[in-house]
Amino acid sequence: GGAFGYIVYLSGIGEYIVNTLTELNIGLITTGFLLAAILRAALGSS
């Protein structure tokens, strides 16, 4: 799971999502909450 996250991080996907949420005036705290919630729904494992 950490390996998958590292690949996502290196690809720039995470930075793009963060920047997009930032442009929508969504702070890092809310971004962290939403991203983890989305991943929980998608991946199953908390």
All heavy atoms as atom14 arrays in JSON, in Angstrom:
{
  "sequence": "GGAFGYIVYLSGIGEYIVNTLTELNIGLITTGFLLAAILRAALGSS",
  "atom14_mask": [
    [1, 1, 1, 1, 0, 0, 0, 0, 0, 0, 0, 0, 0, 0],
    [1, 1, 1, 1, 0, 0, 0, 0, 0, 0, 0, 0, 0, 0],
    [1, 1, 1, 1, 1, 0, 0, 0, 0, 0, 0, 0, 0, 0],
    [1, 1, 1, 1, 1, 1, 1, 1, 1, 1, 1, 0, 0, 0],
    [1, 1, 1, 1, 0, 0, 0, 0, 0, 0, 0, 0, 0, 0],
    [1, 1, 1, 1, 1, 1, 1, 1, 1, 1, 1, 1, 0, 0],
    [1, 1, 1, 1, 1, 1, 1, 1, 0, 0, 0, 0, 0, 0],
    [1, 1, 1, 1, 1, 1, 1, 0, 0, 0, 0, 0, 0, 0],
    [1, 1, 1, 1, 1, 1, 1, 1, 1, 1, 1, 1, 0, 0],
    [1, 1, 1, 1, 1, 1, 1, 1, 0, 0, 0, 0, 0, 0],
    [1, 1, 1, 1, 1, 1, 0, 0, 0, 0, 0, 0, 0, 0],
    [1, 1, 1, 1, 0, 0, 0, 0, 0, 0, 0, 0, 0, 0],
    [1, 1, 1, 1, 1, 1, 1, 1, 0, 0, 0, 0, 0, 0],
    [1, 1, 1, 1, 0, 0, 0, 0, 0, 0, 0, 0, 0, 0],
    [1, 1, 1, 1, 1, 1, 1, 1, 1, 0, 0, 0, 0, 0],
    [1, 1, 1, 1, 1, 1, 1, 1, 1, 1, 1, 1, 0, 0],
    [1, 1, 1, 1, 1, 1, 1, 1, 0, 0, 0, 0, 0, 0],
    [1, 1, 1, 1, 1, 1, 1, 0, 0, 0, 0, 0, 0, 0],
    [1, 1, 1, 1, 1, 1, 1, 1, 0, 0, 0, 0, 0, 0],
    [1, 1, 1, 1, 1, 1, 1, 0, 0, 0, 0, 0, 0, 0],
    [1, 1, 1, 1, 1, 1, 1, 1, 0, 0, 0, 0, 0, 0],
    [1, 1, 1, 1, 1, 1, 1, 0, 0, 0, 0, 0, 0, 0],
    [1, 1, 1, 1, 1, 1, 1, 1, 1, 0, 0, 0, 0, 0],
    [1, 1, 1, 1, 1, 1, 1, 1, 0, 0, 0, 0, 0, 0],
    [1, 1, 1, 1, 1, 1, 1, 1, 0, 0, 0, 0, 0, 0],
    [1, 1, 1, 1, 1, 1, 1, 1, 0, 0, 0, 0, 0, 0],
    [1, 1, 1, 1, 0, 0, 0, 0, 0, 0, 0, 0, 0, 0],
    [1, 1, 1, 1, 1, 1, 1, 1, 0, 0, 0, 0, 0, 0],
    [1, 1, 1, 1, 1, 1, 1, 1, 0, 0, 0, 0, 0, 0],
    [1, 1, 1, 1, 1, 1, 1, 0, 0, 0, 0, 0, 0, 0],
    [1, 1, 1, 1, 1, 1, 1, 0, 0, 0, 0, 0, 0, 0],
    [1, 1, 1, 1, 0, 0, 0, 0, 0, 0, 0, 0, 0, 0],
    [1, 1, 1, 1, 1, 1, 1, 1, 1, 1, 1, 0, 0, 0],
    [1, 1, 1, 1, 1, 1, 1, 1, 0, 0, 0, 0, 0, 0],
    [1, 1, 1, 1, 1, 1, 1, 1, 0, 0, 0, 0, 0, 0],
    [1, 1, 1, 1, 1, 0, 0, 0, 0, 0, 0, 0, 0, 0],
    [1, 1, 1, 1, 1, 0, 0, 0, 0, 0, 0, 0, 0, 0],
    [1, 1, 1, 1, 1, 1, 1, 1, 0, 0, 0, 0, 0, 0],
    [1, 1, 1, 1, 1, 1, 1, 1, 0, 0, 0, 0, 0, 0],
    [1, 1, 1, 1, 1, 1, 1, 1, 1, 1, 1, 0, 0, 0],
    [1, 1, 1, 1, 1, 0, 0, 0, 0, 0, 0, 0, 0, 0],
    [1, 1, 1, 1, 1, 0, 0, 0, 0, 0, 0, 0, 0, 0],
    [1, 1, 1, 1, 1, 1, 1, 1, 0, 0, 0, 0, 0, 0],
    [1, 1, 1, 1, 0, 0, 0, 0, 0, 0, 0, 0, 0, 0],
    [1, 1, 1, 1, 1, 1, 0, 0, 0, 0, 0, 0, 0, 0],
    [1, 1, 1, 1, 1, 1, 0, 0, 0, 0, 0, 0, 0, 0]
  ],
  "atom14_positions": [
    [[0.84, -1.2, 0.0], [0.0, 0.0, 0.0], [0.87, 1.25, 0.0], [0.59, 2.23, -0.71], [0.0, 0.0, 0.0], [0.0, 0.0, 0.0], [0.0, 0.0, 0.0], [0.0, 0.0, 0.0], [0.0, 0.0, 0.0], [0.0, 0.0, 0.0], [0.0, 0.0, 0.0], [0.0, 0.0, 0.0], [0.0, 0.0, 0.0], [0.0, 0.0, 0.0]],
    [[1.95, 1.22, 0.78], [2.9, 2.31, 0.77], [3.62, 2.45, -0.56], [3.9, 3.56, -1.02], [0.0, 0.0, 0.0], [0.0, 0.0, 0.0], [0.0, 0.0, 0.0], [0.0, 0.0, 0.0], [0.0, 0.0, 0.0], [0.0, 0.0, 0.0], [0.0, 0.0, 0.0], [0.0, 0.0, 0.0], [0.0, 0.0, 0.0], [0.0, 0.0, 0.0]],
    [[3.9, 1.31, -1.2], [4.53, 1.33, -2.52], [3.62, 1.98, -3.56], [4.06, 2.79, -4.38], [4.89, -0.1, -2.94], [0.0, 0.0, 0.0], [0.0, 0.0, 0.0], [0.0, 0.0, 0.0], [0.0, 0.0, 0.0], [0.0, 0.0, 0.0], [0.0, 0.0, 0.0], [0.0, 0.0, 0.0], [0.0, 0.0, 0.0], [0.0, 0.0, 0.0]],
    [[2.34, 1.62, -3.52], [1.37, 2.23, -4.45], [1.28, 3.73, -4.2], [1.28, 4.53, -5.14], [0.0, 1.57, -4.26], [-1.1, 2.17, -5.1], [-0.96, 2.32, -6.47], [-2.28, 2.58, -4.5], [-1.98, 2.88, -7.23], [-3.31, 3.14, -5.26], [-3.14, 3.29, -6.63], [0.0, 0.0, 0.0], [0.0, 0.0, 0.0], [0.0, 0.0, 0.0]],
    [[1.22, 4.12, -2.94], [1.18, 5.54, -2.61], [2.42, 6.28, -3.08], [2.35, 7.42, -3.52], [0.0, 0.0, 0.0], [0.0, 0.0, 0.0], [0.0, 0.0, 0.0], [0.0, 0.0, 0.0], [0.0, 0.0, 0.0], [0.0, 0.0, 0.0], [0.0, 0.0, 0.0], [0.0, 0.0, 0.0], [0.0, 0.0, 0.0], [0.0, 0.0, 0.0]],
    [[3.58, 5.61, -3.01], [4.84, 6.23, -3.43], [4.86, 6.44, -4.95], [5.31, 7.47, -5.44], [6.01, 5.35, -3.0], [7.37, 5.99, -3.15], [7.69, 7.16, -2.45], [8.33, 5.45, -3.99], [8.93, 7.75, -2.57], [9.58, 6.03, -4.12], [9.87, 7.19, -3.41], [11.11, 7.78, -3.55], [0.0, 0.0, 0.0], [0.0, 0.0, 0.0]],
    [[4.34, 5.46, -5.68], [4.24, 5.6, -7.14], [3.29, 6.75, -7.48], [3.57, 7.57, -8.37], [3.73, 4.29, -7.79], [4.78, 3.18, -7.66], [3.39, 4.52, -9.26], [6.05, 3.41, -8.45], [0.0, 0.0, 0.0], [0.0, 0.0, 0.0], [0.0, 0.0, 0.0], [0.0, 0.0, 0.0], [0.0, 0.0, 0.0], [0.0, 0.0, 0.0]],
    [[2.16, 6.81, -6.78], [1.21, 7.91, -7.0], [1.86, 9.25, -6.69], [1.71, 10.23, -7.43], [-0.05, 7.71, -6.14], [-0.94, 8.94, -6.16], [-0.84, 6.5, -6.61], [0.0, 0.0, 0.0], [0.0, 0.0, 0.0], [0.0, 0.0, 0.0], [0.0, 0.0, 0.0], [0.0, 0.0, 0.0], [0.0, 0.0, 0.0], [0.0, 0.0, 0.0]],
    [[2.63, 9.29, -5.62], [3.32, 10.52, -5.24], [4.34, 10.94, -6.31], [4.37, 12.1, -6.75], [4.01, 10.35, -3.89], [5.06, 11.39, -3.59], [4.69, 12.71, -3.38], [6.41, 11.04, -3.54], [5.65, 13.68, -3.12], [7.37, 12.0, -3.28], [7.0, 13.31, -3.08], [7.95, 14.26, -2.83], [0.0, 0.0, 0.0], [0.0, 0.0, 0.0]],
    [[5.17, 10.0, -6.76], [6.19, 10.32, -7.75], [5.6, 10.72, -9.09], [6.19, 11.51, -9.84], [7.13, 9.12, -7.95], [8.04, 8.75, -6.77], [8.84, 7.49, -7.11], [8.96, 9.9, -6.43], [0.0, 0.0, 0.0], [0.0, 0.0, 0.0], [0.0, 0.0, 0.0], [0.0, 0.0, 0.0], [0.0, 0.0, 0.0], [0.0, 0.0, 0.0]],
    [[4.43, 10.18, -9.39], [3.79, 10.5, -10.67], [3.29, 11.93, -10.72], [3.04, 12.47, -11.8], [2.6, 9.55, -10.9], [1.55, 9.85, -10.01], [0.0, 0.0, 0.0], [0.0, 0.0, 0.0], [0.0, 0.0, 0.0], [0.0, 0.0, 0.0], [0.0, 0.0, 0.0], [0.0, 0.0, 0.0], [0.0, 0.0, 0.0], [0.0, 0.0, 0.0]],
    [[3.11, 12.55, -9.56], [2.56, 13.89, -9.51], [1.06, 13.92, -9.33], [0.45, 15.0, -9.26], [0.0, 0.0, 0.0], [0.0, 0.0, 0.0], [0.0, 0.0, 0.0], [0.0, 0.0, 0.0], [0.0, 0.0, 0.0], [0.0, 0.0, 0.0], [0.0, 0.0, 0.0], [0.0, 0.0, 0.0], [0.0, 0.0, 0.0], [0.0, 0.0, 0.0]],
    [[0.45, 12.74, -9.26], [-1.01, 12.67, -9.09], [-1.43, 13.33, -7.78], [-2.37, 14.13, -7.74], [-1.5, 11.21, -9.13], [-1.3, 10.62, -10.53], [-2.97, 11.11, -8.73], [-1.57, 9.14, -10.63], [0.0, 0.0, 0.0], [0.0, 0.0, 0.0], [0.0, 0.0, 0.0], [0.0, 0.0, 0.0], [0.0, 0.0, 0.0], [0.0, 0.0, 0.0]],
    [[-0.73, 13.01, -6.71], [-1.06, 13.58, -5.42], [-0.91, 15.09, -5.41], [-1.78, 15.81, -4.91], [0.0, 0.0, 0.0], [0.0, 0.0, 0.0], [0.0, 0.0, 0.0], [0.0, 0.0, 0.0], [0.0, 0.0, 0.0], [0.0, 0.0, 0.0], [0.0, 0.0, 0.0], [0.0, 0.0, 0.0], [0.0, 0.0, 0.0], [0.0, 0.0, 0.0]],
    [[0.17, 15.57, -6.0], [0.39, 17.02, -6.05], [-0.7, 17.7, -6.88], [-1.18, 18.79, -6.52], [1.76, 17.31, -6.67], [2.14, 18.78, -6.68], [3.52, 19.02, -7.25], [4.22, 18.03, -7.54], [3.88, 20.2, -7.42], [0.0, 0.0, 0.0], [0.0, 0.0, 0.0], [0.0, 0.0, 0.0], [0.0, 0.0, 0.0], [0.0, 0.0, 0.0]],
    [[-1.12, 17.05, -7.97], [-2.18, 17.62, -8.81], [-3.5, 17.7, -8.04], [-4.2, 18.72, -8.09], [-2.36, 16.78, -10.07], [-3.43, 17.32, -11.01], [-3.11, 18.29, -11.96], [-4.74, 16.89, -10.91], [-4.08, 18.8, -12.8], [-5.73, 17.4, -11.75], [-5.39, 18.35, -12.7], [-6.36, 18.86, -13.53], [0.0, 0.0, 0.0], [0.0, 0.0, 0.0]],
    [[-3.82, 16.62, -7.3], [-5.06, 16.61, -6.51], [-5.0, 17.69, -5.44], [-5.97, 18.43, -5.23], [-5.28, 15.23, -5.87], [-5.56, 14.18, -6.96], [-6.43, 15.26, -4.87], [-5.65, 12.76, -6.43], [0.0, 0.0, 0.0], [0.0, 0.0, 0.0], [0.0, 0.0, 0.0], [0.0, 0.0, 0.0], [0.0, 0.0, 0.0], [0.0, 0.0, 0.0]],
    [[-3.85, 17.8, -4.78], [-3.7, 18.82, -3.74], [-3.84, 20.21, -4.33], [-4.54, 21.08, -3.78], [-2.33, 18.66, -3.04], [-2.07, 19.85, -2.13], [-2.28, 17.37, -2.25], [0.0, 0.0, 0.0], [0.0, 0.0, 0.0], [0.0, 0.0, 0.0], [0.0, 0.0, 0.0], [0.0, 0.0, 0.0], [0.0, 0.0, 0.0], [0.0, 0.0, 0.0]],
    [[-3.18, 20.45, -5.47], [-3.26, 21.77, -6.1], [-4.69, 22.09, -6.55], [-5.15, 23.23, -6.42], [-2.32, 21.83, -7.3], [-0.86, 21.83, -6.89], [-0.53, 22.19, -5.76], [0.02, 21.41, -7.79], [0.0, 0.0, 0.0], [0.0, 0.0, 0.0], [0.0, 0.0, 0.0], [0.0, 0.0, 0.0], [0.0, 0.0, 0.0], [0.0, 0.0, 0.0]],
    [[-5.37, 21.07, -7.07], [-6.75, 21.28, -7.51], [-7.64, 21.63, -6.34], [-8.46, 22.56, -6.4], [-7.29, 20.02, -8.21], [-6.47, 19.71, -9.34], [-8.72, 20.23, -8.68], [0.0, 0.0, 0.0], [0.0, 0.0, 0.0], [0.0, 0.0, 0.0], [0.0, 0.0, 0.0], [0.0, 0.0, 0.0], [0.0, 0.0, 0.0], [0.0, 0.0, 0.0]],
    [[-7.5, 20.87, -5.24], [-8.31, 21.16, -4.05], [-7.95, 22.51, -3.46], [-8.81, 23.21, -2.93], [-8.11, 20.05, -3.02], [-8.69, 18.68, -3.4], [-8.31, 17.64, -2.35], [-10.2, 18.74, -3.55], [0.0, 0.0, 0.0], [0.0, 0.0, 0.0], [0.0, 0.0, 0.0], [0.0, 0.0, 0.0], [0.0, 0.0, 0.0], [0.0, 0.0, 0.0]],
    [[-6.66, 22.9, -3.56], [-6.22, 24.21, -3.06], [-6.85, 25.33, -3.88], [-7.28, 26.36, -3.34], [-4.69, 24.32, -3.11], [-4.12, 23.27, -2.32], [-4.23, 25.66, -2.55], [0.0, 0.0, 0.0], [0.0, 0.0, 0.0], [0.0, 0.0, 0.0], [0.0, 0.0, 0.0], [0.0, 0.0, 0.0], [0.0, 0.0, 0.0], [0.0, 0.0, 0.0]],
    [[-6.88, 25.15, -5.21], [-7.5, 26.15, -6.08], [-8.99, 26.31, -5.77], [-9.57, 27.36, -6.02], [-7.31, 25.75, -7.54], [-5.86, 25.87, -8.02], [-5.67, 25.31, -9.41], [-6.68, 24.89, -10.03], [-4.53, 25.31, -9.9], [0.0, 0.0, 0.0], [0.0, 0.0, 0.0], [0.0, 0.0, 0.0], [0.0, 0.0, 0.0], [0.0, 0.0, 0.0]],
    [[-9.58, 25.25, -5.25], [-10.99, 25.3, -4.87], [-11.16, 25.81, -3.45], [-12.23, 25.68, -2.85], [-11.62, 23.91, -5.0], [-11.68, 23.32, -6.42], [-12.15, 21.87, -6.36], [-12.61, 24.15, -7.3], [0.0, 0.0, 0.0], [0.0, 0.0, 0.0], [0.0, 0.0, 0.0], [0.0, 0.0, 0.0], [0.0, 0.0, 0.0], [0.0, 0.0, 0.0]],
    [[-10.06, 26.39, -2.92], [-10.05, 26.93, -1.55], [-10.29, 25.82, -0.51], [-10.92, 26.04, 0.52], [-11.08, 28.04, -1.39], [-10.73, 29.27, -2.2], [-9.56, 29.64, -2.3], [-11.73, 29.9, -2.79], [0.0, 0.0, 0.0], [0.0, 0.0, 0.0], [0.0, 0.0, 0.0], [0.0, 0.0, 0.0], [0.0, 0.0, 0.0], [0.0, 0.0, 0.0]],
    [[-9.82, 24.63, -0.81], [-9.89, 23.51, 0.14], [-8.51, 23.37, 0.77], [-7.53, 23.11, 0.08], [-10.29, 22.2, -0.56], [-11.67, 22.35, -1.19], [-10.27, 21.04, 0.42], [-12.12, 21.14, -1.98], [0.0, 0.0, 0.0], [0.0, 0.0, 0.0], [0.0, 0.0, 0.0], [0.0, 0.0, 0.0], [0.0, 0.0, 0.0], [0.0, 0.0, 0.0]],
    [[-8.42, 23.57, 2.06], [-7.13, 23.53, 2.75], [-6.58, 22.13, 2.86], [-7.24, 21.13, 2.55], [0.0, 0.0, 0.0], [0.0, 0.0, 0.0], [0.0, 0.0, 0.0], [0.0, 0.0, 0.0], [0.0, 0.0, 0.0], [0.0, 0.0, 0.0], [0.0, 0.0, 0.0], [0.0, 0.0, 0.0], [0.0, 0.0, 0.0], [0.0, 0.0, 0.0]],
    [[-5.34, 22.05, 3.34], [-4.66, 20.76, 3.46], [-5.35, 19.84, 4.45], [-5.36, 18.62, 4.28], [-3.2, 20.96, 3.86], [-2.19, 21.18, 2.72], [-0.82, 21.44, 3.29], [-2.17, 20.0, 1.78], [0.0, 0.0, 0.0], [0.0, 0.0, 0.0], [0.0, 0.0, 0.0], [0.0, 0.0, 0.0], [0.0, 0.0, 0.0], [0.0, 0.0, 0.0]],
    [[-5.9, 20.4, 5.52], [-6.58, 19.56, 6.52], [-7.79, 18.88, 5.89], [-7.99, 17.66, 6.03], [-6.99, 20.4, 7.74], [-5.74, 20.89, 8.48], [-7.87, 19.59, 8.68], [-6.04, 21.83, 9.63], [0.0, 0.0, 0.0], [0.0, 0.0, 0.0], [0.0, 0.0, 0.0], [0.0, 0.0, 0.0], [0.0, 0.0, 0.0], [0.0, 0.0, 0.0]],
    [[-8.6, 19.66, 5.18], [-9.77, 19.09, 4.5], [-9.34, 18.14, 3.39], [-9.96, 17.1, 3.18], [-10.65, 20.21, 3.92], [-11.09, 21.05, 4.99], [-11.87, 19.64, 3.22], [0.0, 0.0, 0.0], [0.0, 0.0, 0.0], [0.0, 0.0, 0.0], [0.0, 0.0, 0.0], [0.0, 0.0, 0.0], [0.0, 0.0, 0.0], [0.0, 0.0, 0.0]],
    [[-8.27, 18.5, 2.68], [-7.75, 17.62, 1.63], [-7.35, 16.28, 2.2], [-7.64, 15.23, 1.63], [-6.53, 18.28, 0.95], [-6.93, 19.51, 0.34], [-5.96, 17.36, -0.12], [0.0, 0.0, 0.0], [0.0, 0.0, 0.0], [0.0, 0.0, 0.0], [0.0, 0.0, 0.0], [0.0, 0.0, 0.0], [0.0, 0.0, 0.0], [0.0, 0.0, 0.0]],
    [[-6.67, 16.29, 3.36], [-6.26, 15.03, 3.99], [-7.46, 14.18, 4.36], [-7.46, 12.96, 4.13], [0.0, 0.0, 0.0], [0.0, 0.0, 0.0], [0.0, 0.0, 0.0], [0.0, 0.0, 0.0], [0.0, 0.0, 0.0], [0.0, 0.0, 0.0], [0.0, 0.0, 0.0], [0.0, 0.0, 0.0], [0.0, 0.0, 0.0], [0.0, 0.0, 0.0]],
    [[-8.48, 14.81, 4.91], [-9.69, 14.08, 5.29], [-10.38, 13.49, 4.06], [-10.73, 12.31, 4.03], [-10.64, 15.02, 6.03], [-11.96, 14.4, 6.39], [-12.06, 13.54, 7.47], [-13.1, 14.66, 5.64], [-13.28, 12.94, 7.8], [-14.32, 14.08, 5.96], [-14.41, 13.22, 7.05], [0.0, 0.0, 0.0], [0.0, 0.0, 0.0], [0.0, 0.0, 0.0]],
    [[-10.59, 14.31, 3.04], [-11.3, 13.85, 1.84], [-10.52, 12.78, 1.08], [-11.1, 11.79, 0.61], [-11.58, 15.04, 0.91], [-12.59, 16.08, 1.42], [-12.7, 17.24, 0.45], [-13.96, 15.43, 1.64], [0.0, 0.0, 0.0], [0.0, 0.0, 0.0], [0.0, 0.0, 0.0], [0.0, 0.0, 0.0], [0.0, 0.0, 0.0], [0.0, 0.0, 0.0]],
    [[-9.2, 12.98, 0.95], [-8.39, 12.01, 0.22], [-8.41, 10.65, 0.91], [-8.58, 9.61, 0.26], [-6.95, 12.52, 0.09], [-5.99, 11.63, -0.69], [-6.49, 11.41, -2.11], [-4.58, 12.24, -0.71], [0.0, 0.0, 0.0], [0.0, 0.0, 0.0], [0.0, 0.0, 0.0], [0.0, 0.0, 0.0], [0.0, 0.0, 0.0], [0.0, 0.0, 0.0]],
    [[-8.25, 10.64, 2.23], [-8.27, 9.37, 2.96], [-9.65, 8.71, 2.86], [-9.75, 7.49, 2.73], [-7.9, 9.6, 4.43], [0.0, 0.0, 0.0], [0.0, 0.0, 0.0], [0.0, 0.0, 0.0], [0.0, 0.0, 0.0], [0.0, 0.0, 0.0], [0.0, 0.0, 0.0], [0.0, 0.0, 0.0], [0.0, 0.0, 0.0], [0.0, 0.0, 0.0]],
    [[-10.72, 9.52, 2.91], [-12.07, 8.98, 2.8], [-12.31, 8.36, 1.42], [-12.9, 7.28, 1.29], [-13.1, 10.07, 3.07], [0.0, 0.0, 0.0], [0.0, 0.0, 0.0], [0.0, 0.0, 0.0], [0.0, 0.0, 0.0], [0.0, 0.0, 0.0], [0.0, 0.0, 0.0], [0.0, 0.0, 0.0], [0.0, 0.0, 0.0], [0.0, 0.0, 0.0]],
    [[-11.85, 9.05, 0.38], [-12.0, 8.54, -0.99], [-11.22, 7.24, -1.15], [-11.71, 6.26, -1.74], [-11.52, 9.59, -2.01], [-12.48, 10.79, -2.01], [-11.45, 8.99, -3.41], [-11.96, 11.99, -2.78], [0.0, 0.0, 0.0], [0.0, 0.0, 0.0], [0.0, 0.0, 0.0], [0.0, 0.0, 0.0], [0.0, 0.0, 0.0], [0.0, 0.0, 0.0]],
    [[-10.0, 7.21, -0.64], [-9.18, 5.99, -0.75], [-9.78, 4.85, 0.06], [-9.72, 3.7, -0.35], [-7.76, 6.3, -0.27], [-6.92, 7.18, -1.2], [-5.62, 7.59, -0.52], [-6.63, 6.47, -2.52], [0.0, 0.0, 0.0], [0.0, 0.0, 0.0], [0.0, 0.0, 0.0], [0.0, 0.0, 0.0], [0.0, 0.0, 0.0], [0.0, 0.0, 0.0]],
    [[-10.38, 5.15, 1.23], [-11.01, 4.1, 2.02], [-12.16, 3.46, 1.25], [-12.31, 2.24, 1.24], [-11.53, 4.69, 3.34], [-12.34, 3.67, 4.2], [-11.42, 2.64, 4.81], [-12.13, 1.56, 5.48], [-12.74, 1.63, 6.66], [-12.78, 2.78, 7.32], [-13.3, 0.57, 7.19], [0.0, 0.0, 0.0], [0.0, 0.0, 0.0], [0.0, 0.0, 0.0]],
    [[-12.97, 4.3, 0.6], [-14.08, 3.78, -0.19], [-13.57, 2.94, -1.35], [-14.15, 1.9, -1.68], [-14.95, 4.92, -0.69], [0.0, 0.0, 0.0], [0.0, 0.0, 0.0], [0.0, 0.0, 0.0], [0.0, 0.0, 0.0], [0.0, 0.0, 0.0], [0.0, 0.0, 0.0], [0.0, 0.0, 0.0], [0.0, 0.0, 0.0], [0.0, 0.0, 0.0]],
    [[-12.49, 3.38, -1.96], [-11.99, 2.69, -3.15], [-11.21, 1.43, -2.82], [-11.38, 0.39, -3.48], [-11.1, 3.64, -3.94], [0.0, 0.0, 0.0], [0.0, 0.0, 0.0], [0.0, 0.0, 0.0], [0.0, 0.0, 0.0], [0.0, 0.0, 0.0], [0.0, 0.0, 0.0], [0.0, 0.0, 0.0], [0.0, 0.0, 0.0], [0.0, 0.0, 0.0]],
    [[-10.37, 1.49, -1.78], [-9.46, 0.38, -1.5], [-10.0, -0.59, -0.47], [-9.53, -1.72, -0.38], [-8.11, 0.93, -1.0], [-7.39, 1.91, -1.94], [-6.11, 2.4, -1.3], [-7.11, 1.27, -3.28], [0.0, 0.0, 0.0], [0.0, 0.0, 0.0], [0.0, 0.0, 0.0], [0.0, 0.0, 0.0], [0.0, 0.0, 0.0], [0.0, 0.0, 0.0]],
    [[-10.97, -0.18, 0.33], [-11.52, -1.06, 1.36], [-10.76, -0.97, 2.65], [-11.31, -0.6, 3.69], [0.0, 0.0, 0.0], [0.0, 0.0, 0.0], [0.0, 0.0, 0.0], [0.0, 0.0, 0.0], [0.0, 0.0, 0.0], [0.0, 0.0, 0.0], [0.0, 0.0, 0.0], [0.0, 0.0, 0.0], [0.0, 0.0, 0.0], [0.0, 0.0, 0.0]],
    [[-9.5, -1.29, 2.63], [-8.68, -1.3, 3.85], [-8.42, 0.1, 4.36], [-7.9, 0.95, 3.63], [-7.36, -2.01, 3.58], [-6.45, -1.8, 4.64], [0.0, 0.0, 0.0], [0.0, 0.0, 0.0], [0.0, 0.0, 0.0], [0.0, 0.0, 0.0], [0.0, 0.0, 0.0], [0.0, 0.0, 0.0], [0.0, 0.0, 0.0], [0.0, 0.0, 0.0]],
    [[-8.75, 0.35, 5.62], [-8.48, 1.66, 6.21], [-6.98, 1.88, 6.35], [-6.48, 2.99, 6.15], [-9.16, 1.79, 7.56], [-8.68, 0.83, 8.48], [0.0, 0.0, 0.0], [0.0, 0.0, 0.0], [0.0, 0.0, 0.0], [0.0, 0.0, 0.0], [0.0, 0.0, 0.0], [0.0, 0.0, 0.0], [0.0, 0.0, 0.0], [0.0, 0.0, 0.0]]
  ]
}
